[in-house]
PDB file of N, CA and C in Angstrom:
ATOM      1  N   MET A   1      61.473  17.401 -70.990  1.00  0.00           N
ATOM      2  CA  MET A   1      62.796  17.219 -70.454  1.00  0.00           C
ATOM      3  C   MET A   1      62.985  15.768 -69.996  1.00  0.00           C
ATOM      4  N   GLU A   2      61.913  15.138 -69.528  1.00  0.00           N
ATOM      5  CA  GLU A   2      62.011  13.745 -69.087  1.00  0.00           C
ATOM      6  C   GLU A   2      62.442  12.822 -70.227  1.00  0.00           C
ATOM      7  N   GLU A   3      61.889  13.068 -71.392  1.00  0.00           N
ATOM      8  CA  GLU A   3      62.239  12.250 -72.561  1.00  0.00           C
ATOM      9  C   GLU A   3      63.711  12.420 -72.928  1.00  0.00           C
ATOM     10  N   LEU A   4      64.198  13.624 -72.811  1.00  0.00           N
ATOM     11  CA  LEU A   4      65.596  13.930 -73.098  1.00  0.00           C
ATOM     12  C   LEU A   4      66.515  13.186 -72.127  1.00  0.00           C
ATOM     13  N   VAL A   5      66.159  13.191 -70.860  1.00  0.00           N
ATOM     14  CA  VAL A   5      66.951  12.491 -69.848  1.00  0.00           C
ATOM     15  C   VAL A   5      66.929  10.984 -70.119  1.00  0.00           C
ATOM     16  N   LYS A   6      65.776  10.476 -70.519  1.00  0.00           N
ATOM     17  CA  LYS A   6      65.660   9.043 -70.819  1.00  0.00           C
ATOM     18  C   LYS A   6      66.562   8.664 -71.997  1.00  0.00           C
ATOM     19  N   LYS A   7      66.598   9.498 -73.036  1.00  0.00           N
ATOM     20  CA  LYS A   7      67.456   9.239 -74.192  1.00  0.00           C
ATOM     21  C   LYS A   7      68.931   9.246 -73.794  1.00  0.00           C
ATOM     22  N   ILE A   8      69.305  10.222 -72.956  1.00  0.00           N
ATOM     23  CA  ILE A   8      70.691  10.306 -72.487  1.00  0.00           C
ATOM     24  C   ILE A   8      71.044   9.055 -71.691  1.00  0.00           C
ATOM     25  N   GLU A   9      70.123   8.622 -70.852  1.00  0.00           N
ATOM     26  CA  GLU A   9      70.346   7.424 -70.044  1.00  0.00           C
ATOM     27  C   GLU A   9      70.547   6.185 -70.928  1.00  0.00           C
ATOM     28  N   GLU A  10      69.712   6.019 -71.937  1.00  0.00           N
ATOM     29  CA  GLU A  10      69.813   4.873 -72.845  1.00  0.00           C
ATOM     30  C   GLU A  10      71.127   4.894 -73.625  1.00  0.00           C
ATOM     31  N   LEU A  11      71.479   6.063 -74.148  1.00  0.00           N
ATOM     32  CA  LEU A  11      72.730   6.176 -74.905  1.00  0.00           C
ATOM     33  C   LEU A  11      73.944   5.960 -74.014  1.00  0.00           C
ATOM     34  N   SER A  12      73.861   6.431 -72.777  1.00  0.00           N
ATOM     35  CA  SER A  12      74.970   6.239 -71.843  1.00  0.00           C
ATOM     36  C   SER A  12      75.189   4.762 -71.553  1.00  0.00           C
ATOM     37  N   ALA A  13      74.103   4.028 -71.376  1.00  0.00           N
ATOM     38  CA  ALA A  13      74.212   2.592 -71.124  1.00  0.00           C
ATOM     39  C   ALA A  13      74.833   1.886 -72.331  1.00  0.00           C
ATOM     40  N   ALA A  14      74.397   2.254 -73.523  1.00  0.00           N
ATOM     41  CA  ALA A  14      74.947   1.655 -74.744  1.00  0.00           C
ATOM     42  C   ALA A  14      76.420   2.019 -74.901  1.00  0.00           C
ATOM     43  N   PHE A  15      76.753   3.266 -74.593  1.00  0.00           N
ATOM     44  CA  PHE A  15      78.142   3.710 -74.670  1.00  0.00           C
ATOM     45  C   PHE A  15      79.021   2.887 -73.737  1.00  0.00           C
ATOM     46  N   LEU A  16      78.591   2.731 -72.493  1.00  0.00           N
ATOM     47  CA  LEU A  16      79.388   1.979 -71.514  1.00  0.00           C
ATOM     48  C   LEU A  16      79.575   0.530 -71.943  1.00  0.00           C
ATOM     49  N   LYS A  17      78.515  -0.070 -72.451  1.00  0.00           N
ATOM     50  CA  LYS A  17      78.595  -1.462 -72.913  1.00  0.00           C
ATOM     51  C   LYS A  17      79.629  -1.593 -74.029  1.00  0.00           C
ATOM     52  N   ASP A  18      79.541  -0.712 -75.021  1.00  0.00           N
ATOM     53  CA  ASP A  18      80.456  -0.789 -76.161  1.00  0.00           C
ATOM     54  C   ASP A  18      81.887  -0.404 -75.782  1.00  0.00           C
ATOM     55  N   ALA A  19      82.025   0.594 -74.923  1.00  0.00           N
ATOM     56  CA  ALA A  19      83.364   1.007 -74.503  1.00  0.00           C
ATOM     57  C   ALA A  19      84.058  -0.120 -73.734  1.00  0.00           C
ATOM     58  N   LYS A  20      83.305  -0.793 -72.869  1.00  0.00           N
ATOM     59  CA  LYS A  20      83.875  -1.922 -72.124  1.00  0.00           C
ATOM     60  C   LYS A  20      84.266  -3.055 -73.062  1.00  0.00           C
ATOM     61  N   ALA A  21      83.441  -3.301 -74.082  1.00  0.00           N
ATOM     62  CA  ALA A  21      83.760  -4.355 -75.050  1.00  0.00           C
ATOM     63  C   ALA A  21      85.047  -4.029 -75.798  1.00  0.00           C
ATOM     64  N   GLN A  22      85.260  -2.776 -76.093  1.00  0.00           N
ATOM     65  CA  GLN A  22      86.492  -2.391 -76.777  1.00  0.00           C
ATOM     66  C   GLN A  22      87.697  -2.559 -75.857  1.00  0.00           C
ATOM     67  N   VAL A  23      87.556  -2.106 -74.625  1.00  0.00           N
ATOM     68  CA  VAL A  23      88.677  -2.151 -73.686  1.00  0.00           C
ATOM     69  C   VAL A  23      89.027  -3.588 -73.302  1.00  0.00           C
ATOM     70  N   THR A  24      88.023  -4.387 -72.991  1.00  0.00           N
ATOM     71  CA  THR A  24      88.298  -5.738 -72.496  1.00  0.00           C
ATOM     72  C   THR A  24      88.574  -6.739 -73.605  1.00  0.00           C
ATOM     73  N   ASN A  25      87.890  -6.602 -74.735  1.00  0.00           N
ATOM     74  CA  ASN A  25      88.007  -7.600 -75.802  1.00  0.00           C
ATOM     75  C   ASN A  25      88.730  -7.091 -77.048  1.00  0.00           C
ATOM     76  N   GLY A  26      89.029  -5.799 -77.073  1.00  0.00           N
ATOM     77  CA  GLY A  26      89.662  -5.234 -78.262  1.00  0.00           C
ATOM     78  C   GLY A  26      88.719  -5.169 -79.456  1.00  0.00           C
ATOM     79  N   ASN A  27      87.421  -5.136 -79.190  1.00  0.00           N
ATOM     80  CA  ASN A  27      86.400  -5.119 -80.236  1.00  0.00           C
ATOM     81  C   ASN A  27      86.367  -3.744 -80.908  1.00  0.00           C
ATOM     82  N   LYS A  28      86.898  -3.666 -82.128  1.00  0.00           N
ATOM     83  CA  LYS A  28      86.995  -2.397 -82.841  1.00  0.00           C
ATOM     84  C   LYS A  28      85.623  -1.837 -83.227  1.00  0.00           C
ATOM     85  N   ALA A  29      84.703  -2.703 -83.614  1.00  0.00           N
ATOM     86  CA  ALA A  29      83.363  -2.249 -83.989  1.00  0.00           C
ATOM     87  C   ALA A  29      82.647  -1.637 -82.788  1.00  0.00           C
ATOM     88  N   ALA A  30      82.847  -2.241 -81.628  1.00  0.00           N
ATOM     89  CA  ALA A  30      82.244  -1.696 -80.409  1.00  0.00           C
ATOM     90  C   ALA A  30      82.827  -0.321 -80.105  1.00  0.00           C
ATOM     91  N   GLY A  31      84.113  -0.150 -80.354  1.00  0.00           N
ATOM     92  CA  GLY A  31      84.743   1.149 -80.158  1.00  0.00           C
ATOM     93  C   GLY A  31      84.150   2.202 -81.065  1.00  0.00           C
ATOM     94  N   GLN A  32      83.876   1.814 -82.299  1.00  0.00           N
ATOM     95  CA  GLN A  32      83.268   2.744 -83.247  1.00  0.00           C
ATOM     96  C   GLN A  32      81.863   3.132 -82.772  1.00  0.00           C
ATOM     97  N   ARG A  33      81.100   2.166 -82.296  1.00  0.00           N
ATOM     98  CA  ARG A  33      79.750   2.458 -81.776  1.00  0.00           C
ATOM     99  C   ARG A  33      79.837   3.365 -80.549  1.00  0.00           C
ATOM    100  N   ALA A  34      80.799   3.114 -79.686  1.00  0.00           N
ATOM    101  CA  ALA A  34      80.965   3.928 -78.479  1.00  0.00           C
ATOM    102  C   ALA A  34      81.281   5.375 -78.849  1.00  0.00           C
ATOM    103  N   ARG A  35      82.152   5.564 -79.822  1.00  0.00           N
ATOM    104  CA  ARG A  35      82.492   6.923 -80.258  1.00  0.00           C
ATOM    105  C   ARG A  35      81.272   7.635 -80.840  1.00  0.00           C
ATOM    106  N   LYS A  36      80.496   6.908 -81.626  1.00  0.00           N
ATOM    107  CA  LYS A  36      79.286   7.485 -82.209  1.00  0.00           C
ATOM    108  C   LYS A  36      78.308   7.880 -81.097  1.00  0.00           C
ATOM    109  N   ASN A  37      78.141   6.992 -80.120  1.00  0.00           N
ATOM    110  CA  ASN A  37      77.245   7.297 -79.003  1.00  0.00           C
ATOM    111  C   ASN A  37      77.736   8.485 -78.200  1.00  0.00           C
ATOM    112  N   SER A  38      79.043   8.610 -78.045  1.00  0.00           N
ATOM    113  CA  SER A  38      79.572   9.733 -77.268  1.00  0.00           C
ATOM    114  C   SER A  38      79.247  11.063 -77.948  1.00  0.00           C
ATOM    115  N   LEU A  39      79.278  11.089 -79.252  1.00  0.00           N
ATOM    116  CA  LEU A  39      78.913  12.309 -79.975  1.00  0.00           C
ATOM    117  C   LEU A  39      77.435  12.641 -79.792  1.00  0.00           C
ATOM    118  N   GLU A  40      76.603  11.623 -79.840  1.00  0.00           N
ATOM    119  CA  GLU A  40      75.164  11.824 -79.660  1.00  0.00           C
ATOM    120  C   GLU A  40      74.870  12.270 -78.222  1.00  0.00           C
ATOM    121  N   ILE A  41      75.565  11.687 -77.260  1.00  0.00           N
ATOM    122  CA  ILE A  41      75.391  12.084 -75.861  1.00  0.00           C
ATOM    123  C   ILE A  41      75.775  13.548 -75.695  1.00  0.00           C
ATOM    124  N   GLU A  42      76.854  13.951 -76.340  1.00  0.00           N
ATOM    125  CA  GLU A  42      77.290  15.346 -76.261  1.00  0.00           C
ATOM    126  C   GLU A  42      76.195  16.284 -76.762  1.00  0.00           C
ATOM    127  N   LYS A  43      75.592  15.950 -77.895  1.00  0.00           N
ATOM    128  CA  LYS A  43      74.527  16.783 -78.448  1.00  0.00           C
ATOM    129  C   LYS A  43      73.350  16.871 -77.485  1.00  0.00           C
ATOM    130  N   LEU A  44      72.964  15.716 -76.935  1.00  0.00           N
ATOM    131  CA  LEU A  44      71.808  15.690 -76.042  1.00  0.00           C
ATOM    132  C   LEU A  44      72.080  16.415 -74.726  1.00  0.00           C
ATOM    133  N   THR A  45      73.290  16.329 -74.214  1.00  0.00           N
ATOM    134  CA  THR A  45      73.582  17.041 -72.967  1.00  0.00           C
ATOM    135  C   THR A  45      73.592  18.556 -73.187  1.00  0.00           C
ATOM    136  N   LYS A  46      74.009  18.986 -74.361  1.00  0.00           N
ATOM    137  CA  LYS A  46      73.934  20.422 -74.674  1.00  0.00           C
ATOM    138  C   LYS A  46      72.475  20.862 -74.756  1.00  0.00           C
ATOM    139  N   GLU A  47      71.634  20.027 -75.361  1.00  0.00           N
ATOM    140  CA  GLU A  47      70.205  20.318 -75.449  1.00  0.00           C
ATOM    141  C   GLU A  47      69.587  20.333 -74.051  1.00  0.00           C
ATOM    142  N   PHE A  48      69.994  19.387 -73.212  1.00  0.00           N
ATOM    143  CA  PHE A  48      69.496  19.344 -71.842  1.00  0.00           C
ATOM    144  C   PHE A  48      69.852  20.635 -71.105  1.00  0.00           C
ATOM    145  N   ARG A  49      71.058  21.097 -71.301  1.00  0.00           N
ATOM    146  CA  ARG A  49      71.504  22.328 -70.645  1.00  0.00           C
ATOM    147  C   ARG A  49      70.602  23.494 -71.033  1.00  0.00           C
ATOM    148  N   LYS A  50      70.286  23.614 -72.334  1.00  0.00           N
ATOM    149  CA  LYS A  50      69.403  24.684 -72.794  1.00  0.00           C
ATOM    150  C   LYS A  50      68.040  24.584 -72.141  1.00  0.00           C
ATOM    151  N   VAL A  51      67.460  23.391 -72.180  1.00  0.00           N
ATOM    152  CA  VAL A  51      66.109  23.175 -71.641  1.00  0.00           C
ATOM    153  C   VAL A  51      66.091  23.423 -70.129  1.00  0.00           C
ATOM    154  N   SER A  52      67.132  22.964 -69.465  1.00  0.00           N
ATOM    155  CA  SER A  52      67.228  23.124 -68.025  1.00  0.00           C
ATOM    156  C   SER A  52      67.316  24.596 -67.628  1.00  0.00           C
ATOM    157  N   ILE A  53      68.094  25.360 -68.372  1.00  0.00           N
ATOM    158  CA  ILE A  53      68.209  26.795 -68.079  1.00  0.00           C
ATOM    159  C   ILE A  53      66.864  27.492 -68.293  1.00  0.00           C
ATOM    160  N   GLU A  54      66.185  27.136 -69.376  1.00  0.00           N
ATOM    161  CA  GLU A  54      64.856  27.729 -69.631  1.00  0.00           C
ATOM    162  C   GLU A  54      63.863  27.380 -68.532  1.00  0.00           C
ATOM    163  N   ALA A  55      63.892  26.136 -68.065  1.00  0.00           N
ATOM    164  CA  ALA A  55      62.991  25.704 -67.007  1.00  0.00           C
ATOM    165  C   ALA A  55      63.292  26.425 -65.695  1.00  0.00           C
ATOM    166  N   ALA A  56      64.558  26.693 -65.450  1.00  0.00           N
ATOM    167  CA  ALA A  56      64.942  27.385 -64.221  1.00  0.00           C
ATOM    168  C   ALA A  56      64.497  28.841 -64.229  1.00  0.00           C
ATOM    169  N   LYS A  57      64.334  29.419 -65.400  1.00  0.00           N
ATOM    170  CA  LYS A  57      63.916  30.814 -65.518  1.00  0.00           C
ATOM    171  C   LYS A  57      62.433  31.003 -65.206  1.00  0.00           C
ATOM    172  N   LYS A  58      61.679  29.930 -65.298  1.00  0.00           N
ATOM    173  CA  LYS A  58      60.209  30.031 -65.101  1.00  0.00           C
ATOM    174  C   LYS A  58      59.840  30.077 -63.655  1.00  0.00           C
TER     175      LYS A  58
END
């Protein structure tokens, strides 16, 4: 679960960086990267939820 949290943390940082670049500079490529990262974050948070529920059952 620690590795999963670390991946989410890394992707979140990359997402914020790219999202800010799109908002402040109008960087379209950064916006595309941010959207891609948001999808990956969504997948990982769903996986985290599963793992977390299983860990809570033990």
